Amino acid sequence: MATISSHLLNSVDGTHANGVKVTIYQINSSGEKKIFFETETDEGGRILKDFELSSDDCTCEYEMVCKTADYFSEKKVVSEIIVKFKMEDPKKKISLTNYYISKWIFYLVV
């Protein structure tokens, strides 16, 4: 079973970015995109989801889209953040937190 985890942090005020809408798309070799998973970050700014992946799923690319505009009530400089990744191993944990994307994102909004 593969696992996707991420932790979004608001580096402006040091809080967890809870309630951020996140959509993960699966993109096949033809470039066709479909929704793979939709959720919101929990109270701790996290998402955690296990997936059973087929061999076809492991050949696709994935795109995580974090809808950040709604998170900020006043400043909406960055409307969404997109991270592309692969899940080539059906038993691996993919931790998007390791890239510290949220810190880059929220520094832009200051």
PDB file of N, CA and C in Angstrom:
ATOM      1  N   MET A   1       0.835  -1.174   0.000  1.00  0.00           N
ATOM      2  CA  MET A   1       0.000   0.000   0.000  1.00  0.00           C
ATOM      3  C   MET A   1       0.889   1.250   0.000  1.00  0.00           C
ATOM      4  N   ALA A   2       0.575   2.196  -0.854  1.00  0.00           N
ATOM      5  CA  ALA A   2       1.302   3.465  -0.917  1.00  0.00           C
ATOM      6  C   ALA A   2       0.618   4.479  -0.005  1.00  0.00           C
ATOM      7  N   THR A   3       1.401   5.391   0.529  1.00  0.00           N
ATOM      8  CA  THR A   3       0.881   6.428   1.423  1.00  0.00           C
ATOM      9  C   THR A   3       1.358   7.791   0.947  1.00  0.00           C
ATOM     10  N   ILE A   4       0.433   8.753   0.926  1.00  0.00           N
ATOM     11  CA  ILE A   4       0.785  10.147   0.650  1.00  0.00           C
ATOM     12  C   ILE A   4       0.566  10.921   1.940  1.00  0.00           C
ATOM     13  N   SER A   5       1.576  11.687   2.328  1.00  0.00           N
ATOM     14  CA  SER A   5       1.407  12.550   3.495  1.00  0.00           C
ATOM     15  C   SER A   5       1.971  13.928   3.184  1.00  0.00           C
ATOM     16  N   SER A   6       1.380  14.929   3.805  1.00  0.00           N
ATOM     17  CA  SER A   6       1.861  16.289   3.644  1.00  0.00           C
ATOM     18  C   SER A   6       1.458  17.087   4.872  1.00  0.00           C
ATOM     19  N   HIS A   7       2.218  18.114   5.162  1.00  0.00           N
ATOM     20  CA  HIS A   7       1.949  18.982   6.306  1.00  0.00           C
ATOM     21  C   HIS A   7       2.149  20.411   5.837  1.00  0.00           C
ATOM     22  N   LEU A   8       1.073  21.163   5.775  1.00  0.00           N
ATOM     23  CA  LEU A   8       1.132  22.545   5.328  1.00  0.00           C
ATOM     24  C   LEU A   8       1.214  23.462   6.539  1.00  0.00           C
ATOM     25  N   LEU A   9       2.195  24.330   6.510  1.00  0.00           N
ATOM     26  CA  LEU A   9       2.413  25.271   7.601  1.00  0.00           C
ATOM     27  C   LEU A   9       2.294  26.700   7.098  1.00  0.00           C
ATOM     28  N   ASN A  10       1.736  27.550   7.917  1.00  0.00           N
ATOM     29  CA  ASN A  10       1.656  28.966   7.617  1.00  0.00           C
ATOM     30  C   ASN A  10       2.869  29.621   8.258  1.00  0.00           C
ATOM     31  N   SER A  11       3.863  29.916   7.477  1.00  0.00           N
ATOM     32  CA  SER A  11       5.098  30.495   8.002  1.00  0.00           C
ATOM     33  C   SER A  11       4.955  31.967   8.356  1.00  0.00           C
ATOM     34  N   VAL A  12       3.850  32.586   8.005  1.00  0.00           N
ATOM     35  CA  VAL A  12       3.618  33.977   8.368  1.00  0.00           C
ATOM     36  C   VAL A  12       3.402  34.087   9.877  1.00  0.00           C
ATOM     37  N   ASP A  13       2.562  33.178  10.424  1.00  0.00           N
ATOM     38  CA  ASP A  13       2.268  33.270  11.854  1.00  0.00           C
ATOM     39  C   ASP A  13       2.585  31.989  12.624  1.00  0.00           C
ATOM     40  N   GLY A  14       3.186  31.010  11.966  1.00  0.00           N
ATOM     41  CA  GLY A  14       3.626  29.799  12.643  1.00  0.00           C
ATOM     42  C   GLY A  14       2.541  28.784  12.946  1.00  0.00           C
ATOM     43  N   THR A  15       1.366  28.942  12.344  1.00  0.00           N
ATOM     44  CA  THR A  15       0.271  28.013  12.615  1.00  0.00           C
ATOM     45  C   THR A  15       0.189  26.931  11.544  1.00  0.00           C
ATOM     46  N   HIS A  16      -0.608  25.907  11.852  1.00  0.00           N
ATOM     47  CA  HIS A  16      -0.896  24.861  10.873  1.00  0.00           C
ATOM     48  C   HIS A  16      -1.916  25.413   9.887  1.00  0.00           C
ATOM     49  N   ALA A  17      -1.739  25.099   8.616  1.00  0.00           N
ATOM     50  CA  ALA A  17      -2.660  25.572   7.587  1.00  0.00           C
ATOM     51  C   ALA A  17      -3.803  24.566   7.468  1.00  0.00           C
ATOM     52  N   ASN A  18      -4.800  24.714   8.329  1.00  0.00           N
ATOM     53  CA  ASN A  18      -5.921  23.780   8.312  1.00  0.00           C
ATOM     54  C   ASN A  18      -7.016  24.250   7.362  1.00  0.00           C
ATOM     55  N   GLY A  19      -7.765  23.299   6.830  1.00  0.00           N
ATOM     56  CA  GLY A  19      -8.877  23.613   5.945  1.00  0.00           C
ATOM     57  C   GLY A  19      -8.488  23.989   4.529  1.00  0.00           C
ATOM     58  N   VAL A  20      -7.251  23.729   4.126  1.00  0.00           N
ATOM     59  CA  VAL A  20      -6.817  24.016   2.754  1.00  0.00           C
ATOM     60  C   VAL A  20      -7.307  22.888   1.853  1.00  0.00           C
ATOM     61  N   LYS A  21      -8.006  23.238   0.795  1.00  0.00           N
ATOM     62  CA  LYS A  21      -8.489  22.235  -0.150  1.00  0.00           C
ATOM     63  C   LYS A  21      -7.323  21.689  -0.962  1.00  0.00           C
ATOM     64  N   VAL A  22      -7.244  20.360  -1.055  1.00  0.00           N
ATOM     65  CA  VAL A  22      -6.169  19.693  -1.781  1.00  0.00           C
ATOM     66  C   VAL A  22      -6.788  18.690  -2.745  1.00  0.00           C
ATOM     67  N   THR A  23      -6.382  18.770  -4.009  1.00  0.00           N
ATOM     68  CA  THR A  23      -6.809  17.803  -5.016  1.00  0.00           C
ATOM     69  C   THR A  23      -5.562  17.164  -5.600  1.00  0.00           C
ATOM     70  N   ILE A  24      -5.585  15.840  -5.688  1.00  0.00           N
ATOM     71  CA  ILE A  24      -4.490  15.118  -6.337  1.00  0.00           C
ATOM     72  C   ILE A  24      -5.039  14.540  -7.634  1.00  0.00           C
ATOM     73  N   TYR A  25      -4.374  14.895  -8.729  1.00  0.00           N
ATOM     74  CA  TYR A  25      -4.751  14.409 -10.050  1.00  0.00           C
ATOM     75  C   TYR A  25      -3.779  13.319 -10.478  1.00  0.00           C
ATOM     76  N   GLN A  26      -4.295  12.386 -11.241  1.00  0.00           N
ATOM     77  CA  GLN A  26      -3.463  11.354 -11.867  1.00  0.00           C
ATOM     78  C   GLN A  26      -3.367  11.709 -13.345  1.00  0.00           C
ATOM     79  N   ILE A  27      -2.148  11.708 -13.880  1.00  0.00           N
ATOM     80  CA  ILE A  27      -1.915  12.073 -15.282  1.00  0.00           C
ATOM     81  C   ILE A  27      -1.298  10.870 -15.986  1.00  0.00           C
ATOM     82  N   ASN A  28      -2.008  10.317 -16.964  1.00  0.00           N
ATOM     83  CA  ASN A  28      -1.486   9.130 -17.663  1.00  0.00           C
ATOM     84  C   ASN A  28      -0.474   9.529 -18.734  1.00  0.00           C
ATOM     85  N   SER A  29       0.084   8.546 -19.405  1.00  0.00           N
ATOM     86  CA  SER A  29       1.149   8.799 -20.387  1.00  0.00           C
ATOM     87  C   SER A  29       0.673   9.629 -21.578  1.00  0.00           C
ATOM     88  N   SER A  30      -0.636   9.676 -21.825  1.00  0.00           N
ATOM     89  CA  SER A  30      -1.192  10.503 -22.907  1.00  0.00           C
ATOM     90  C   SER A  30      -1.430  11.937 -22.466  1.00  0.00           C
ATOM     91  N   GLY A  31      -1.173  12.223 -21.179  1.00  0.00           N
ATOM     92  CA  GLY A  31      -1.392  13.565 -20.666  1.00  0.00           C
ATOM     93  C   GLY A  31      -2.792  13.782 -20.139  1.00  0.00           C
ATOM     94  N   GLU A  32      -3.618  12.745 -20.169  1.00  0.00           N
ATOM     95  CA  GLU A  32      -4.988  12.837 -19.682  1.00  0.00           C
ATOM     96  C   GLU A  32      -4.971  12.926 -18.156  1.00  0.00           C
ATOM     97  N   LYS A  33      -5.718  13.891 -17.616  1.00  0.00           N
ATOM     98  CA  LYS A  33      -5.723  14.151 -16.182  1.00  0.00           C
ATOM     99  C   LYS A  33      -7.095  13.803 -15.602  1.00  0.00           C
ATOM    100  N   LYS A  34      -7.082  13.095 -14.448  1.00  0.00           N
ATOM    101  CA  LYS A  34      -8.339  12.819 -13.752  1.00  0.00           C
ATOM    102  C   LYS A  34      -8.112  12.957 -12.247  1.00  0.00           C
ATOM    103  N   ILE A  35      -9.182  13.272 -11.532  1.00  0.00           N
ATOM    104  CA  ILE A  35      -9.077  13.411 -10.083  1.00  0.00           C
ATOM    105  C   ILE A  35      -8.809  12.046  -9.471  1.00  0.00           C
ATOM    106  N   PHE A  36      -7.771  11.976  -8.658  1.00  0.00           N
ATOM    107  CA  PHE A  36      -7.375  10.747  -7.968  1.00  0.00           C
ATOM    108  C   PHE A  36      -7.853  10.774  -6.516  1.00  0.00           C
ATOM    109  N   PHE A  37      -7.827  11.979  -5.910  1.00  0.00           N
ATOM    110  CA  PHE A  37      -8.188  12.106  -4.506  1.00  0.00           C
ATOM    111  C   PHE A  37      -8.437  13.579  -4.189  1.00  0.00           C
ATOM    112  N   GLU A  38      -9.458  13.862  -3.384  1.00  0.00           N
ATOM    113  CA  GLU A  38      -9.747  15.219  -2.929  1.00  0.00           C
ATOM    114  C   GLU A  38      -9.929  15.212  -1.418  1.00  0.00           C
ATOM    115  N   THR A  39      -9.433  16.259  -0.766  1.00  0.00           N
ATOM    116  CA  THR A  39      -9.561  16.350   0.684  1.00  0.00           C
ATOM    117  C   THR A  39      -9.290  17.784   1.124  1.00  0.00           C
ATOM    118  N   GLU A  40      -9.292  18.012   2.421  1.00  0.00           N
ATOM    119  CA  GLU A  40      -8.846  19.257   3.034  1.00  0.00           C
ATOM    120  C   GLU A  40      -7.848  18.903   4.122  1.00  0.00           C
ATOM    121  N   THR A  41      -6.922  19.805   4.384  1.00  0.00           N
ATOM    122  CA  THR A  41      -5.997  19.554   5.484  1.00  0.00           C
ATOM    123  C   THR A  41      -6.771  19.570   6.804  1.00  0.00           C
ATOM    124  N   ASP A  42      -6.336  18.719   7.731  1.00  0.00           N
ATOM    125  CA  ASP A  42      -7.015  18.623   9.026  1.00  0.00           C
ATOM    126  C   ASP A  42      -6.601  19.778   9.947  1.00  0.00           C
ATOM    127  N   GLU A  43      -7.037  19.739  11.202  1.00  0.00           N
ATOM    128  CA  GLU A  43      -6.728  20.805  12.164  1.00  0.00           C
ATOM    129  C   GLU A  43      -5.226  21.018  12.335  1.00  0.00           C
ATOM    130  N   GLY A  44      -4.436  19.970  12.102  1.00  0.00           N
ATOM    131  CA  GLY A  44      -2.989  20.072  12.214  1.00  0.00           C
ATOM    132  C   GLY A  44      -2.314  20.412  10.905  1.00  0.00           C
ATOM    133  N   GLY A  45      -3.099  20.761   9.863  1.00  0.00           N
ATOM    134  CA  GLY A  45      -2.539  21.123   8.562  1.00  0.00           C
ATOM    135  C   GLY A  45      -2.025  19.934   7.767  1.00  0.00           C
ATOM    136  N   ARG A  46      -2.506  18.739   8.092  1.00  0.00           N
ATOM    137  CA  ARG A  46      -1.973  17.520   7.478  1.00  0.00           C
ATOM    138  C   ARG A  46      -2.990  16.817   6.588  1.00  0.00           C
ATOM    139  N   ILE A  47      -2.424  16.076   5.620  1.00  0.00           N
ATOM    140  CA  ILE A  47      -3.200  15.066   4.907  1.00  0.00           C
ATOM    141  C   ILE A  47      -2.407  13.765   5.013  1.00  0.00           C
ATOM    142  N   LEU A  48      -3.129  12.675   5.103  1.00  0.00           N
ATOM    143  CA  LEU A  48      -2.528  11.350   5.176  1.00  0.00           C
ATOM    144  C   LEU A  48      -3.516  10.387   4.553  1.00  0.00           C
ATOM    145  N   LYS A  49      -3.090   9.697   3.495  1.00  0.00           N
ATOM    146  CA  LYS A  49      -3.995   8.806   2.779  1.00  0.00           C
ATOM    147  C   LYS A  49      -3.223   7.608   2.257  1.00  0.00           C
ATOM    148  N   ASP A  50      -3.780   6.416   2.470  1.00  0.00           N
ATOM    149  CA  ASP A  50      -3.226   5.178   1.921  1.00  0.00           C
ATOM    150  C   ASP A  50      -3.964   4.822   0.645  1.00  0.00           C
ATOM    151  N   PHE A  51      -3.223   4.282  -0.326  1.00  0.00           N
ATOM    152  CA  PHE A  51      -3.788   3.899  -1.613  1.00  0.00           C
ATOM    153  C   PHE A  51      -3.305   2.515  -2.004  1.00  0.00           C
ATOM    154  N   GLU A  52      -4.175   1.739  -2.604  1.00  0.00           N
ATOM    155  CA  GLU A  52      -3.773   0.514  -3.290  1.00  0.00           C
ATOM    156  C   GLU A  52      -3.501   0.930  -4.730  1.00  0.00           C
ATOM    157  N   LEU A  53      -2.281   0.736  -5.200  1.00  0.00           N
ATOM    158  CA  LEU A  53      -1.914   1.151  -6.551  1.00  0.00           C
ATOM    159  C   LEU A  53      -1.753  -0.053  -7.458  1.00  0.00           C
ATOM    160  N   SER A  54      -2.305   0.049  -8.661  1.00  0.00           N
ATOM    161  CA  SER A  54      -2.103  -0.988  -9.680  1.00  0.00           C
ATOM    162  C   SER A  54      -0.781  -0.699 -10.397  1.00  0.00           C
ATOM    163  N   SER A  55      -0.351  -1.621 -11.225  1.00  0.00           N
ATOM    164  CA  SER A  55       0.874  -1.387 -11.993  1.00  0.00           C
ATOM    165  C   SER A  55       0.678  -0.215 -12.956  1.00  0.00           C
ATOM    166  N   ASP A  56      -0.534  -0.022 -13.482  1.00  0.00           N
ATOM    167  CA  ASP A  56      -0.820   1.131 -14.341  1.00  0.00           C
ATOM    168  C   ASP A  56      -0.716   2.439 -13.562  1.00  0.00           C
ATOM    169  N   ASP A  57      -1.217   2.443 -12.318  1.00  0.00           N
ATOM    170  CA  ASP A  57      -1.132   3.644 -11.473  1.00  0.00           C
ATOM    171  C   ASP A  57       0.323   4.056 -11.264  1.00  0.00           C
ATOM    172  N   CYS A  58       1.208   3.085 -11.177  1.00  0.00           N
ATOM    173  CA  CYS A  58       2.622   3.358 -10.899  1.00  0.00           C
ATOM    174  C   CYS A  58       3.371   3.937 -12.097  1.00  0.00           C
ATOM    175  N   THR A  59       2.763   3.912 -13.276  1.00  0.00           N
ATOM    176  CA  THR A  59       3.395   4.498 -14.465  1.00  0.00           C
ATOM    177  C   THR A  59       2.944   5.940 -14.707  1.00  0.00           C
ATOM    178  N   CYS A  60       1.991   6.408 -13.928  1.00  0.00           N
ATOM    179  CA  CYS A  60       1.436   7.756 -14.096  1.00  0.00           C
ATOM    180  C   CYS A  60       2.224   8.790 -13.308  1.00  0.00           C
ATOM    181  N   GLU A  61       2.016  10.043 -13.684  1.00  0.00           N
ATOM    182  CA  GLU A  61       2.482  11.161 -12.874  1.00  0.00           C
ATOM    183  C   GLU A  61       1.298  11.630 -12.042  1.00  0.00           C
ATOM    184  N   TYR A  62       1.604  12.346 -10.969  1.00  0.00           N
ATOM    185  CA  TYR A  62       0.560  12.879 -10.101  1.00  0.00           C
ATOM    186  C   TYR A  62       0.825  14.362  -9.873  1.00  0.00           C
ATOM    187  N   GLU A  63      -0.243  15.072  -9.585  1.00  0.00           N
ATOM    188  CA  GLU A  63      -0.154  16.506  -9.376  1.00  0.00           C
ATOM    189  C   GLU A  63      -0.991  16.849  -8.145  1.00  0.00           C
ATOM    190  N   MET A  64      -0.353  17.405  -7.141  1.00  0.00           N
ATOM    191  CA  MET A  64      -1.068  17.845  -5.951  1.00  0.00           C
ATOM    192  C   MET A  64      -1.304  19.343  -6.073  1.00  0.00           C
ATOM    193  N   VAL A  65      -2.568  19.750  -5.997  1.00  0.00           N
ATOM    194  CA  VAL A  65      -2.932  21.159  -6.107  1.00  0.00           C
ATOM    195  C   VAL A  65      -3.496  21.606  -4.757  1.00  0.00           C
ATOM    196  N   CYS A  66      -2.817  22.557  -4.133  1.00  0.00           N
ATOM    197  CA  CYS A  66      -3.266  23.126  -2.866  1.00  0.00           C
ATOM    198  C   CYS A  66      -3.908  24.474  -3.169  1.00  0.00           C
ATOM    199  N   LYS A  67      -5.181  24.606  -2.890  1.00  0.00           N
ATOM    200  CA  LYS A  67      -5.929  25.837  -3.151  1.00  0.00           C
ATOM    201  C   LYS A  67      -5.710  26.809  -1.994  1.00  0.00           C
ATOM    202  N   THR A  68      -4.691  27.629  -2.103  1.00  0.00           N
ATOM    203  CA  THR A  68      -4.290  28.492  -0.998  1.00  0.00           C
ATOM    204  C   THR A  68      -5.036  29.825  -0.947  1.00  0.00           C
ATOM    205  N   ALA A  69      -5.678  30.240  -2.019  1.00  0.00           N
ATOM    206  CA  ALA A  69      -6.345  31.550  -2.042  1.00  0.00           C
ATOM    207  C   ALA A  69      -7.430  31.640  -0.967  1.00  0.00           C
ATOM    208  N   ASP A  70      -8.218  30.594  -0.802  1.00  0.00           N
ATOM    209  CA  ASP A  70      -9.292  30.620   0.183  1.00  0.00           C
ATOM    210  C   ASP A  70      -8.764  30.602   1.613  1.00  0.00           C
ATOM    211  N   TYR A  71      -7.544  30.119   1.786  1.00  0.00           N
ATOM    212  CA  TYR A  71      -6.964  30.054   3.131  1.00  0.00           C
ATOM    213  C   TYR A  71      -6.682  31.454   3.675  1.00  0.00           C
ATOM    214  N   PHE A  72      -6.275  32.354   2.792  1.00  0.00           N
ATOM    215  CA  PHE A  72      -5.963  33.718   3.208  1.00  0.00           C
ATOM    216  C   PHE A  72      -7.158  34.604   2.916  1.00  0.00           C
ATOM    217  N   SER A  73      -7.681  35.274   3.937  1.00  0.00           N
ATOM    218  CA  SER A  73      -8.884  36.080   3.756  1.00  0.00           C
ATOM    219  C   SER A  73      -8.614  37.412   3.074  1.00  0.00           C
ATOM    220  N   GLU A  74      -7.451  37.993   3.291  1.00  0.00           N
ATOM    221  CA  GLU A  74      -7.172  39.312   2.723  1.00  0.00           C
ATOM    222  C   GLU A  74      -6.218  39.262   1.534  1.00  0.00           C
ATOM    223  N   LYS A  75      -5.059  38.658   1.720  1.00  0.00           N
ATOM    224  CA  LYS A  75      -4.049  38.630   0.666  1.00  0.00           C
ATOM    225  C   LYS A  75      -4.153  37.310  -0.092  1.00  0.00           C
ATOM    226  N   LYS A  76      -4.391  37.400  -1.371  1.00  0.00           N
ATOM    227  CA  LYS A  76      -4.533  36.198  -2.192  1.00  0.00           C
ATOM    228  C   LYS A  76      -3.526  36.240  -3.332  1.00  0.00           C
ATOM    229  N   VAL A  77      -2.278  36.478  -2.992  1.00  0.00           N
ATOM    230  CA  VAL A  77      -1.224  36.606  -3.990  1.00  0.00           C
ATOM    231  C   VAL A  77      -1.013  35.287  -4.726  1.00  0.00           C
ATOM    232  N   VAL A  78      -0.982  34.192  -3.990  1.00  0.00           N
ATOM    233  CA  VAL A  78      -0.786  32.867  -4.577  1.00  0.00           C
ATOM    234  C   VAL A  78      -2.106  32.113  -4.455  1.00  0.00           C
ATOM    235  N   SER A  79      -2.739  31.822  -5.592  1.00  0.00           N
ATOM    236  CA  SER A  79      -4.055  31.181  -5.545  1.00  0.00           C
ATOM    237  C   SER A  79      -3.983  29.669  -5.393  1.00  0.00           C
ATOM    238  N   GLU A  80      -2.923  29.061  -5.898  1.00  0.00           N
ATOM    239  CA  GLU A  80      -2.758  27.620  -5.729  1.00  0.00           C
ATOM    240  C   GLU A  80      -1.299  27.249  -5.919  1.00  0.00           C
ATOM    241  N   ILE A  81      -0.944  26.143  -5.296  1.00  0.00           N
ATOM    242  CA  ILE A  81       0.409  25.615  -5.403  1.00  0.00           C
ATOM    243  C   ILE A  81       0.295  24.233  -6.010  1.00  0.00           C
ATOM    244  N   ILE A  82       1.130  23.940  -7.002  1.00  0.00           N
ATOM    245  CA  ILE A  82       1.083  22.657  -7.697  1.00  0.00           C
ATOM    246  C   ILE A  82       2.415  21.948  -7.529  1.00  0.00           C
ATOM    247  N   VAL A  83       2.336  20.691  -7.110  1.00  0.00           N
ATOM    248  CA  VAL A  83       3.521  19.859  -6.952  1.00  0.00           C
ATOM    249  C   VAL A  83       3.294  18.592  -7.774  1.00  0.00           C
ATOM    250  N   LYS A  84       4.233  18.289  -8.680  1.00  0.00           N
ATOM    251  CA  LYS A  84       4.139  17.070  -9.481  1.00  0.00           C
ATOM    252  C   LYS A  84       5.075  16.022  -8.905  1.00  0.00           C
ATOM    253  N   PHE A  85       4.618  14.764  -8.913  1.00  0.00           N
ATOM    254  CA  PHE A  85       5.419  13.685  -8.352  1.00  0.00           C
ATOM    255  C   PHE A  85       4.992  12.358  -8.983  1.00  0.00           C
ATOM    256  N   LYS A  86       5.730  11.306  -8.686  1.00  0.00           N
ATOM    257  CA  LYS A  86       5.426   9.954  -9.149  1.00  0.00           C
ATOM    258  C   LYS A  86       5.296   9.032  -7.952  1.00  0.00           C
ATOM    259  N   MET A  87       4.530   7.983  -8.124  1.00  0.00           N
ATOM    260  CA  MET A  87       4.407   6.930  -7.118  1.00  0.00           C
ATOM    261  C   MET A  87       4.742   5.613  -7.813  1.00  0.00           C
ATOM    262  N   GLU A  88       6.012   5.376  -8.057  1.00  0.00           N
ATOM    263  CA  GLU A  88       6.450   4.216  -8.825  1.00  0.00           C
ATOM    264  C   GLU A  88       6.467   2.930  -8.011  1.00  0.00           C
ATOM    265  N   ASP A  89       6.510   3.036  -6.700  1.00  0.00           N
ATOM    266  CA  ASP A  89       6.542   1.870  -5.821  1.00  0.00           C
ATOM    267  C   ASP A  89       5.211   1.788  -5.074  1.00  0.00           C
ATOM    268  N   PRO A  90       4.422   0.721  -5.304  1.00  0.00           N
ATOM    269  CA  PRO A  90       3.094   0.627  -4.694  1.00  0.00           C
ATOM    270  C   PRO A  90       3.128   0.435  -3.176  1.00  0.00           C
ATOM    271  N   LYS A  91       4.313   0.340  -2.581  1.00  0.00           N
ATOM    272  CA  LYS A  91       4.408   0.140  -1.131  1.00  0.00           C
ATOM    273  C   LYS A  91       5.168   1.265  -0.434  1.00  0.00           C
ATOM    274  N   LYS A  92       5.420   2.350  -1.140  1.00  0.00           N
ATOM    275  CA  LYS A  92       6.264   3.411  -0.612  1.00  0.00           C
ATOM    276  C   LYS A  92       5.427   4.549  -0.034  1.00  0.00           C
ATOM    277  N   LYS A  93       5.986   5.210   0.964  1.00  0.00           N
ATOM    278  CA  LYS A  93       5.370   6.407   1.514  1.00  0.00           C
ATOM    279  C   LYS A  93       5.945   7.621   0.803  1.00  0.00           C
ATOM    280  N   ILE A  94       5.069   8.450   0.254  1.00  0.00           N
ATOM    281  CA  ILE A  94       5.473   9.691  -0.396  1.00  0.00           C
ATOM    282  C   ILE A  94       5.158  10.811   0.584  1.00  0.00           C
ATOM    283  N   SER A  95       6.182  11.459   1.077  1.00  0.00           N
ATOM    284  CA  SER A  95       5.984  12.556   2.014  1.00  0.00           C
ATOM    285  C   SER A  95       6.322  13.854   1.309  1.00  0.00           C
ATOM    286  N   LEU A  96       5.300  14.599   0.943  1.00  0.00           N
ATOM    287  CA  LEU A  96       5.510  15.860   0.253  1.00  0.00           C
ATOM    288  C   LEU A  96       5.985  16.937   1.217  1.00  0.00           C
ATOM    289  N   THR A  97       5.925  16.668   2.503  1.00  0.00           N
ATOM    290  CA  THR A  97       6.426  17.592   3.512  1.00  0.00           C
ATOM    291  C   THR A  97       7.929  17.790   3.377  1.00  0.00           C
ATOM    292  N   ASN A  98       8.632  16.780   2.927  1.00  0.00           N
ATOM    293  CA  ASN A  98      10.084  16.854   2.843  1.00  0.00           C
ATOM    294  C   ASN A  98      10.569  17.998   1.968  1.00  0.00           C
ATOM    295  N   TYR A  99       9.723  18.513   1.104  1.00  0.00           N
ATOM    296  CA  TYR A  99      10.113  19.597   0.220  1.00  0.00           C
ATOM    297  C   TYR A  99       9.881  20.969   0.837  1.00  0.00           C
ATOM    298  N   TYR A 100       9.262  21.036   1.988  1.00  0.00           N
ATOM    299  CA  TYR A 100       8.970  22.290   2.678  1.00  0.00           C
ATOM    300  C   TYR A 100       8.286  23.294   1.773  1.00  0.00           C
ATOM    301  N   ILE A 101       7.415  22.792   0.946  1.00  0.00           N
ATOM    302  CA  ILE A 101       6.723  23.634  -0.019  1.00  0.00           C
ATOM    303  C   ILE A 101       5.896  24.696   0.683  1.00  0.00           C
ATOM    304  N   SER A 102       5.230  24.318   1.743  1.00  0.00           N
ATOM    305  CA  SER A 102       4.347  25.275   2.410  1.00  0.00           C
ATOM    306  C   SER A 102       5.122  26.488   2.900  1.00  0.00           C
ATOM    307  N   LYS A 103       6.351  26.318   3.341  1.00  0.00           N
ATOM    308  CA  LYS A 103       7.121  27.460   3.816  1.00  0.00           C
ATOM    309  C   LYS A 103       7.436  28.404   2.660  1.00  0.00           C
ATOM    310  N   TRP A 104       7.722  27.859   1.493  1.00  0.00           N
ATOM    311  CA  TRP A 104       7.966  28.715   0.332  1.00  0.00           C
ATOM    312  C   TRP A 104       6.693  29.450  -0.029  1.00  0.00           C
ATOM    313  N   ILE A 105       5.595  28.731  -0.017  1.00  0.00           N
ATOM    314  CA  ILE A 105       4.317  29.315  -0.410  1.00  0.00           C
ATOM    315  C   ILE A 105       3.956  30.482   0.488  1.00  0.00           C
ATOM    316  N   PHE A 106       3.948  30.239   1.765  1.00  0.00           N
ATOM    317  CA  PHE A 106       3.439  31.233   2.669  1.00  0.00           C
ATOM    318  C   PHE A 106       4.396  32.409   2.862  1.00  0.00           C
ATOM    319  N   TYR A 107       5.681  32.249   2.578  1.00  0.00           N
ATOM    320  CA  TYR A 107       6.579  33.387   2.584  1.00  0.00           C
ATOM    321  C   TYR A 107       6.221  34.344   1.449  1.00  0.00           C
ATOM    322  N   LEU A 108       5.727  33.802   0.340  1.00  0.00           N
ATOM    323  CA  LEU A 108       5.359  34.643  -0.801  1.00  0.00           C
ATOM    324  C   LEU A 108       4.173  35.549  -0.486  1.00  0.00           C
ATOM    325  N   VAL A 109       3.343  35.152   0.457  1.00  0.00           N
ATOM    326  CA  VAL A 109       2.108  35.861   0.719  1.00  0.00           C
ATOM    327  C   VAL A 109       2.271  37.002   1.731  1.00  0.00           C
ATOM    328  N   VAL A 110       3.396  37.050   2.383  1.00  0.00           N
ATOM    329  CA  VAL A 110       3.609  38.069   3.420  1.00  0.00           C
ATOM    330  C   VAL A 110       3.436  39.468   2.845  1.00  0.00           C
TER     331      VAL A 110
END
